[in-house]
Amino acid sequence: MTAKLNILRSHLENEKTHLLEELDQLQSSANPQEERREGSPFGKREEEANEALEMEKRAALEKRIKEQMADVEHALHKFEEDTYGLCDICGKAIDPERLEALPQAYLCMNCKAQLAKNAR
């Protein structure tokens, strides 16, 4: 394995650790606080609305982190399969600059563009 691939793998492993820590921290802070604000003219309704908004934001963030984690784990799995750096769709090599910028990339730019075009 080349030195560049070792560096990319190391970046992916570090990113996985970071994402796991972020997810753990997010989940540990998920318990709603029992503290209630005094003197609010809207009382409990305002607090419930704020809690619902926070829960929605936390759920969206958790979803994004889990999606990123899946991409990182997929890339690490590709290392194990000796297919890292190859496009999942066409099988051609992904541009090294793309992998350097986004080590978890699993599509070449042509397939990524085609996928985005078809999604519209």
N, C-alpha and C. Protein backbone atom coordinates (compact mmCIF):
# COMPACT_ATOMS: atom_id res chain seq x y z
N MET A 1 0.86 -1.18 0.00
CA MET A 1 0.00 0.00 0.00
C MET A 1 0.89 1.24 0.00
N THR A 2 0.57 2.17 -0.83
CA THR A 2 1.40 3.36 -0.94
C THR A 2 1.24 4.25 0.28
N ALA A 3 2.16 5.15 0.44
CA ALA A 3 2.13 6.07 1.58
C ALA A 3 0.88 6.95 1.54
N LYS A 4 0.49 7.39 0.33
CA LYS A 4 -0.71 8.23 0.21
C LYS A 4 -1.95 7.48 0.66
N LEU A 5 -2.05 6.21 0.30
CA LEU A 5 -3.20 5.41 0.72
C LEU A 5 -3.20 5.22 2.23
N ASN A 6 -2.02 5.04 2.80
CA ASN A 6 -1.93 4.92 4.27
C ASN A 6 -2.42 6.19 4.95
N ILE A 7 -2.06 7.32 4.38
CA ILE A 7 -2.48 8.61 4.94
C ILE A 7 -4.00 8.75 4.83
N LEU A 8 -4.55 8.40 3.67
CA LEU A 8 -6.00 8.48 3.48
C LEU A 8 -6.73 7.55 4.44
N ARG A 9 -6.22 6.35 4.61
CA ARG A 9 -6.84 5.40 5.54
C ARG A 9 -6.80 5.95 6.97
N SER A 10 -5.68 6.54 7.32
CA SER A 10 -5.54 7.14 8.65
C SER A 10 -6.54 8.28 8.84
N HIS A 11 -6.72 9.10 7.81
CA HIS A 11 -7.72 10.18 7.87
C HIS A 11 -9.12 9.61 8.08
N LEU A 12 -9.43 8.54 7.37
CA LEU A 12 -10.74 7.91 7.50
C LEU A 12 -10.94 7.34 8.91
N GLU A 13 -9.93 6.69 9.44
CA GLU A 13 -10.04 6.13 10.79
C GLU A 13 -10.20 7.23 11.83
N ASN A 14 -9.47 8.33 11.65
CA ASN A 14 -9.62 9.48 12.56
C ASN A 14 -11.01 10.09 12.45
N GLU A 15 -11.52 10.18 11.23
CA GLU A 15 -12.86 10.74 11.02
C GLU A 15 -13.91 9.84 11.67
N LYS A 16 -13.72 8.54 11.57
CA LYS A 16 -14.66 7.61 12.20
C LYS A 16 -14.67 7.81 13.72
N THR A 17 -13.50 7.93 14.30
CA THR A 17 -13.40 8.17 15.75
C THR A 17 -14.08 9.47 16.12
N HIS A 18 -13.84 10.51 15.34
CA HIS A 18 -14.44 11.82 15.60
C HIS A 18 -15.97 11.74 15.50
N LEU A 19 -16.47 11.07 14.48
CA LEU A 19 -17.92 10.96 14.30
C LEU A 19 -18.56 10.15 15.43
N LEU A 20 -17.88 9.10 15.87
CA LEU A 20 -18.40 8.31 16.99
C LEU A 20 -18.48 9.15 18.26
N GLU A 21 -17.46 9.95 18.50
CA GLU A 21 -17.46 10.83 19.67
C GLU A 21 -18.58 11.86 19.57
N GLU A 22 -18.74 12.43 18.38
CA GLU A 22 -19.79 13.43 18.16
C GLU A 22 -21.18 12.82 18.36
N LEU A 23 -21.37 11.63 17.85
CA LEU A 23 -22.66 10.94 18.01
C LEU A 23 -22.92 10.60 19.47
N ASP A 24 -21.90 10.13 20.16
CA ASP A 24 -22.04 9.80 21.58
C ASP A 24 -22.39 11.04 22.39
N GLN A 25 -21.71 12.14 22.10
CA GLN A 25 -21.97 13.39 22.80
C GLN A 25 -23.39 13.88 22.51
N LEU A 26 -23.82 13.77 21.29
CA LEU A 26 -25.17 14.19 20.91
C LEU A 26 -26.22 13.35 21.62
N GLN A 27 -26.00 12.04 21.67
CA GLN A 27 -26.96 11.17 22.31
C GLN A 27 -26.98 11.34 23.83
N SER A 28 -25.84 11.65 24.41
CA SER A 28 -25.81 11.84 25.86
C SER A 28 -26.47 13.15 26.27
N SER A 29 -26.53 14.10 25.36
CA SER A 29 -27.19 15.37 25.67
C SER A 29 -28.65 15.37 25.25
N ALA A 30 -29.16 14.22 24.82
CA ALA A 30 -30.52 14.14 24.30
C ALA A 30 -31.59 14.19 25.38
N ASN A 31 -31.21 13.94 26.61
CA ASN A 31 -32.21 13.96 27.68
C ASN A 31 -32.67 15.38 27.92
N PRO A 32 -33.97 15.63 27.81
CA PRO A 32 -34.46 16.99 28.03
C PRO A 32 -34.20 17.43 29.46
N GLN A 33 -33.88 18.67 29.59
CA GLN A 33 -33.60 19.21 30.92
C GLN A 33 -34.89 19.40 31.67
N GLU A 34 -34.84 19.13 32.94
CA GLU A 34 -36.02 19.27 33.79
C GLU A 34 -36.23 20.72 34.22
N GLU A 35 -35.25 21.53 33.95
CA GLU A 35 -35.29 22.93 34.36
C GLU A 35 -36.35 23.68 33.55
N ARG A 36 -37.20 24.40 34.21
CA ARG A 36 -38.24 25.19 33.56
C ARG A 36 -37.98 26.66 33.82
N ARG A 37 -38.27 27.47 32.81
CA ARG A 37 -38.10 28.91 32.98
C ARG A 37 -39.29 29.49 33.72
N GLU A 38 -38.99 30.35 34.61
CA GLU A 38 -40.04 31.02 35.39
C GLU A 38 -40.42 32.32 34.70
N GLY A 39 -41.67 32.67 34.80
CA GLY A 39 -42.10 33.99 34.35
C GLY A 39 -42.37 34.14 32.88
N SER A 40 -42.31 33.08 32.10
CA SER A 40 -42.61 33.18 30.68
C SER A 40 -44.12 33.36 30.50
N PRO A 41 -44.54 34.33 29.68
CA PRO A 41 -45.98 34.56 29.52
C PRO A 41 -46.70 33.38 28.86
N PHE A 42 -45.96 32.54 28.14
CA PHE A 42 -46.59 31.41 27.47
C PHE A 42 -46.40 30.10 28.22
N GLY A 43 -45.57 30.15 29.25
CA GLY A 43 -45.40 29.02 30.14
C GLY A 43 -44.97 27.74 29.46
N LYS A 44 -45.68 26.69 29.77
CA LYS A 44 -45.31 25.34 29.35
C LYS A 44 -45.34 25.16 27.84
N ARG A 45 -46.25 25.81 27.15
CA ARG A 45 -46.35 25.65 25.69
C ARG A 45 -45.07 26.13 25.00
N GLU A 46 -44.56 27.25 25.44
CA GLU A 46 -43.33 27.78 24.85
C GLU A 46 -42.17 26.81 25.09
N GLU A 47 -42.09 26.27 26.29
CA GLU A 47 -41.03 25.32 26.60
C GLU A 47 -41.16 24.05 25.77
N GLU A 48 -42.37 23.57 25.61
CA GLU A 48 -42.58 22.37 24.81
C GLU A 48 -42.23 22.61 23.34
N ALA A 49 -42.56 23.79 22.83
CA ALA A 49 -42.21 24.13 21.45
C ALA A 49 -40.70 24.18 21.29
N ASN A 50 -40.02 24.78 22.25
CA ASN A 50 -38.56 24.84 22.20
C ASN A 50 -37.94 23.45 22.27
N GLU A 51 -38.48 22.61 23.14
CA GLU A 51 -37.98 21.24 23.25
C GLU A 51 -38.20 20.47 21.95
N ALA A 52 -39.36 20.65 21.32
CA ALA A 52 -39.65 19.97 20.06
C ALA A 52 -38.68 20.43 18.97
N LEU A 53 -38.41 21.73 18.93
CA LEU A 53 -37.47 22.26 17.95
C LEU A 53 -36.07 21.68 18.18
N GLU A 54 -35.66 21.63 19.43
CA GLU A 54 -34.34 21.07 19.75
C GLU A 54 -34.27 19.59 19.37
N MET A 55 -35.35 18.87 19.61
CA MET A 55 -35.38 17.44 19.26
C MET A 55 -35.26 17.26 17.74
N GLU A 56 -35.95 18.12 16.97
CA GLU A 56 -35.87 18.05 15.51
C GLU A 56 -34.46 18.35 15.02
N LYS A 57 -33.85 19.38 15.59
CA LYS A 57 -32.48 19.73 15.19
C LYS A 57 -31.52 18.60 15.55
N ARG A 58 -31.68 18.03 16.73
CA ARG A 58 -30.82 16.93 17.17
C ARG A 58 -31.00 15.72 16.27
N ALA A 59 -32.25 15.41 15.89
CA ALA A 59 -32.51 14.27 15.01
C ALA A 59 -31.88 14.48 13.64
N ALA A 60 -31.98 15.69 13.11
CA ALA A 60 -31.38 15.99 11.80
C ALA A 60 -29.86 15.87 11.86
N LEU A 61 -29.27 16.37 12.94
CA LEU A 61 -27.82 16.29 13.10
C LEU A 61 -27.37 14.84 13.26
N GLU A 62 -28.13 14.09 14.04
CA GLU A 62 -27.80 12.67 14.23
C GLU A 62 -27.88 11.92 12.91
N LYS A 63 -28.89 12.22 12.10
CA LYS A 63 -29.02 11.58 10.79
C LYS A 63 -27.82 11.90 9.89
N ARG A 64 -27.42 13.17 9.90
CA ARG A 64 -26.28 13.58 9.08
C ARG A 64 -25.00 12.87 9.53
N ILE A 65 -24.79 12.78 10.84
CA ILE A 65 -23.60 12.11 11.36
C ILE A 65 -23.61 10.63 10.98
N LYS A 66 -24.76 9.99 11.09
CA LYS A 66 -24.86 8.57 10.74
C LYS A 66 -24.62 8.34 9.25
N GLU A 67 -25.07 9.26 8.41
CA GLU A 67 -24.81 9.15 6.97
C GLU A 67 -23.31 9.30 6.69
N GLN A 68 -22.68 10.26 7.35
CA GLN A 68 -21.23 10.43 7.19
C GLN A 68 -20.49 9.20 7.68
N MET A 69 -20.94 8.64 8.80
CA MET A 69 -20.32 7.44 9.35
C MET A 69 -20.43 6.28 8.37
N ALA A 70 -21.59 6.13 7.74
CA ALA A 70 -21.77 5.06 6.76
C ALA A 70 -20.81 5.22 5.58
N ASP A 71 -20.62 6.45 5.12
CA ASP A 71 -19.68 6.70 4.02
C ASP A 71 -18.25 6.36 4.42
N VAL A 72 -17.86 6.75 5.63
CA VAL A 72 -16.50 6.47 6.12
C VAL A 72 -16.31 4.96 6.27
N GLU A 73 -17.28 4.28 6.87
CA GLU A 73 -17.17 2.83 7.04
C GLU A 73 -17.14 2.11 5.69
N HIS A 74 -17.90 2.62 4.72
CA HIS A 74 -17.87 2.04 3.38
C HIS A 74 -16.48 2.16 2.77
N ALA A 75 -15.87 3.33 2.94
CA ALA A 75 -14.53 3.55 2.40
C ALA A 75 -13.52 2.62 3.09
N LEU A 76 -13.63 2.48 4.40
CA LEU A 76 -12.71 1.59 5.12
C LEU A 76 -12.92 0.14 4.69
N HIS A 77 -14.16 -0.24 4.43
CA HIS A 77 -14.45 -1.58 3.93
C HIS A 77 -13.81 -1.79 2.56
N LYS A 78 -13.84 -0.74 1.74
CA LYS A 78 -13.22 -0.85 0.41
C LYS A 78 -11.71 -1.07 0.52
N PHE A 79 -11.09 -0.55 1.58
CA PHE A 79 -9.67 -0.83 1.81
C PHE A 79 -9.48 -2.33 2.04
N GLU A 80 -10.35 -2.92 2.85
CA GLU A 80 -10.27 -4.35 3.15
C GLU A 80 -10.47 -5.20 1.90
N GLU A 81 -11.30 -4.74 0.99
CA GLU A 81 -11.62 -5.47 -0.23
C GLU A 81 -10.65 -5.14 -1.37
N ASP A 82 -9.69 -4.28 -1.11
CA ASP A 82 -8.73 -3.81 -2.14
C ASP A 82 -9.43 -3.14 -3.31
N THR A 83 -10.52 -2.44 -3.03
CA THR A 83 -11.23 -1.71 -4.08
C THR A 83 -11.26 -0.21 -3.78
N TYR A 84 -10.53 0.22 -2.75
CA TYR A 84 -10.51 1.64 -2.42
C TYR A 84 -9.93 2.42 -3.59
N GLY A 85 -10.58 3.53 -3.91
CA GLY A 85 -10.12 4.38 -5.00
C GLY A 85 -10.78 4.04 -6.33
N LEU A 86 -11.63 3.01 -6.33
CA LEU A 86 -12.35 2.64 -7.54
C LEU A 86 -13.82 3.03 -7.39
N CYS A 87 -14.38 3.56 -8.47
CA CYS A 87 -15.78 3.99 -8.47
C CYS A 87 -16.71 2.80 -8.27
N ASP A 88 -17.70 2.96 -7.40
CA ASP A 88 -18.67 1.89 -7.14
C ASP A 88 -19.56 1.60 -8.35
N ILE A 89 -19.72 2.55 -9.25
CA ILE A 89 -20.61 2.35 -10.39
C ILE A 89 -19.85 1.84 -11.62
N CYS A 90 -18.85 2.59 -12.06
CA CYS A 90 -18.17 2.21 -13.30
C CYS A 90 -16.89 1.39 -13.09
N GLY A 91 -16.36 1.40 -11.86
CA GLY A 91 -15.16 0.62 -11.57
C GLY A 91 -13.85 1.29 -11.95
N LYS A 92 -13.94 2.50 -12.52
CA LYS A 92 -12.72 3.21 -12.91
C LYS A 92 -12.11 3.89 -11.68
N ALA A 93 -10.84 4.24 -11.81
CA ALA A 93 -10.14 4.90 -10.70
C ALA A 93 -10.71 6.29 -10.45
N ILE A 94 -10.88 6.59 -9.16
CA ILE A 94 -11.32 7.93 -8.75
C ILE A 94 -10.10 8.82 -8.75
N ASP A 95 -10.24 10.03 -9.24
CA ASP A 95 -9.14 10.99 -9.31
C ASP A 95 -8.49 11.14 -7.93
N PRO A 96 -7.17 10.98 -7.83
CA PRO A 96 -6.47 11.10 -6.54
C PRO A 96 -6.73 12.42 -5.82
N GLU A 97 -6.88 13.51 -6.57
CA GLU A 97 -7.18 14.80 -5.94
C GLU A 97 -8.54 14.76 -5.25
N ARG A 98 -9.50 14.06 -5.86
CA ARG A 98 -10.83 13.92 -5.26
C ARG A 98 -10.73 13.13 -3.97
N LEU A 99 -9.96 12.04 -3.98
CA LEU A 99 -9.81 11.23 -2.77
C LEU A 99 -9.07 12.00 -1.68
N GLU A 100 -8.13 12.82 -2.08
CA GLU A 100 -7.40 13.62 -1.10
C GLU A 100 -8.34 14.64 -0.44
N ALA A 101 -9.23 15.22 -1.23
CA ALA A 101 -10.18 16.21 -0.70
C ALA A 101 -11.30 15.54 0.08
N LEU A 102 -11.72 14.36 -0.37
CA LEU A 102 -12.85 13.65 0.23
C LEU A 102 -12.51 12.15 0.26
N PRO A 103 -11.76 11.72 1.29
CA PRO A 103 -11.29 10.33 1.33
C PRO A 103 -12.41 9.28 1.28
N GLN A 104 -13.62 9.65 1.69
CA GLN A 104 -14.72 8.69 1.67
C GLN A 104 -15.47 8.67 0.34
N ALA A 105 -14.97 9.38 -0.68
CA ALA A 105 -15.61 9.39 -1.99
C ALA A 105 -15.65 7.96 -2.55
N TYR A 106 -16.80 7.58 -3.07
CA TYR A 106 -16.94 6.24 -3.64
C TYR A 106 -17.40 6.27 -5.09
N LEU A 107 -17.54 7.49 -5.63
CA LEU A 107 -17.91 7.65 -7.03
C LEU A 107 -16.91 8.57 -7.72
N CYS A 108 -16.62 8.27 -8.98
CA CYS A 108 -15.80 9.20 -9.77
C CYS A 108 -16.67 10.42 -10.10
N MET A 109 -16.06 11.46 -10.56
CA MET A 109 -16.79 12.70 -10.84
C MET A 109 -17.84 12.49 -11.94
N ASN A 110 -17.53 11.68 -12.95
CA ASN A 110 -18.49 11.44 -14.03
C ASN A 110 -19.75 10.76 -13.50
N CYS A 111 -19.58 9.72 -12.70
CA CYS A 111 -20.74 9.00 -12.15
C CYS A 111 -21.48 9.85 -11.13
N LYS A 112 -20.75 10.63 -10.35
CA LYS A 112 -21.38 11.52 -9.38
C LYS A 112 -22.25 12.56 -10.10
N ALA A 113 -21.71 13.13 -11.19
CA ALA A 113 -22.45 14.11 -11.97
C ALA A 113 -23.68 13.47 -12.61
N GLN A 114 -23.54 12.28 -13.13
CA GLN A 114 -24.66 11.58 -13.76
C GLN A 114 -25.73 11.26 -12.72
N LEU A 115 -25.33 10.85 -11.54
CA LEU A 115 -26.26 10.55 -10.46
C LEU A 115 -27.02 11.80 -10.03
N ALA A 116 -26.32 12.92 -9.93
CA ALA A 116 -26.95 14.19 -9.56
C ALA A 116 -27.92 14.64 -10.66
N LYS A 117 -27.52 14.44 -11.91
CA LYS A 117 -28.38 14.83 -13.03
C LYS A 117 -29.66 14.00 -13.04
N ASN A 118 -29.55 12.71 -12.76
CA ASN A 118 -30.71 11.82 -12.74
C ASN A 118 -31.61 12.09 -11.54
N ALA A 119 -31.06 12.64 -10.49
CA ALA A 119 -31.84 12.92 -9.29
C ALA A 119 -32.77 14.11 -9.46
N ARG A 120 -32.47 14.96 -10.42
CA ARG A 120 -33.31 16.16 -10.65
C ARG A 120 -34.62 15.82 -11.21
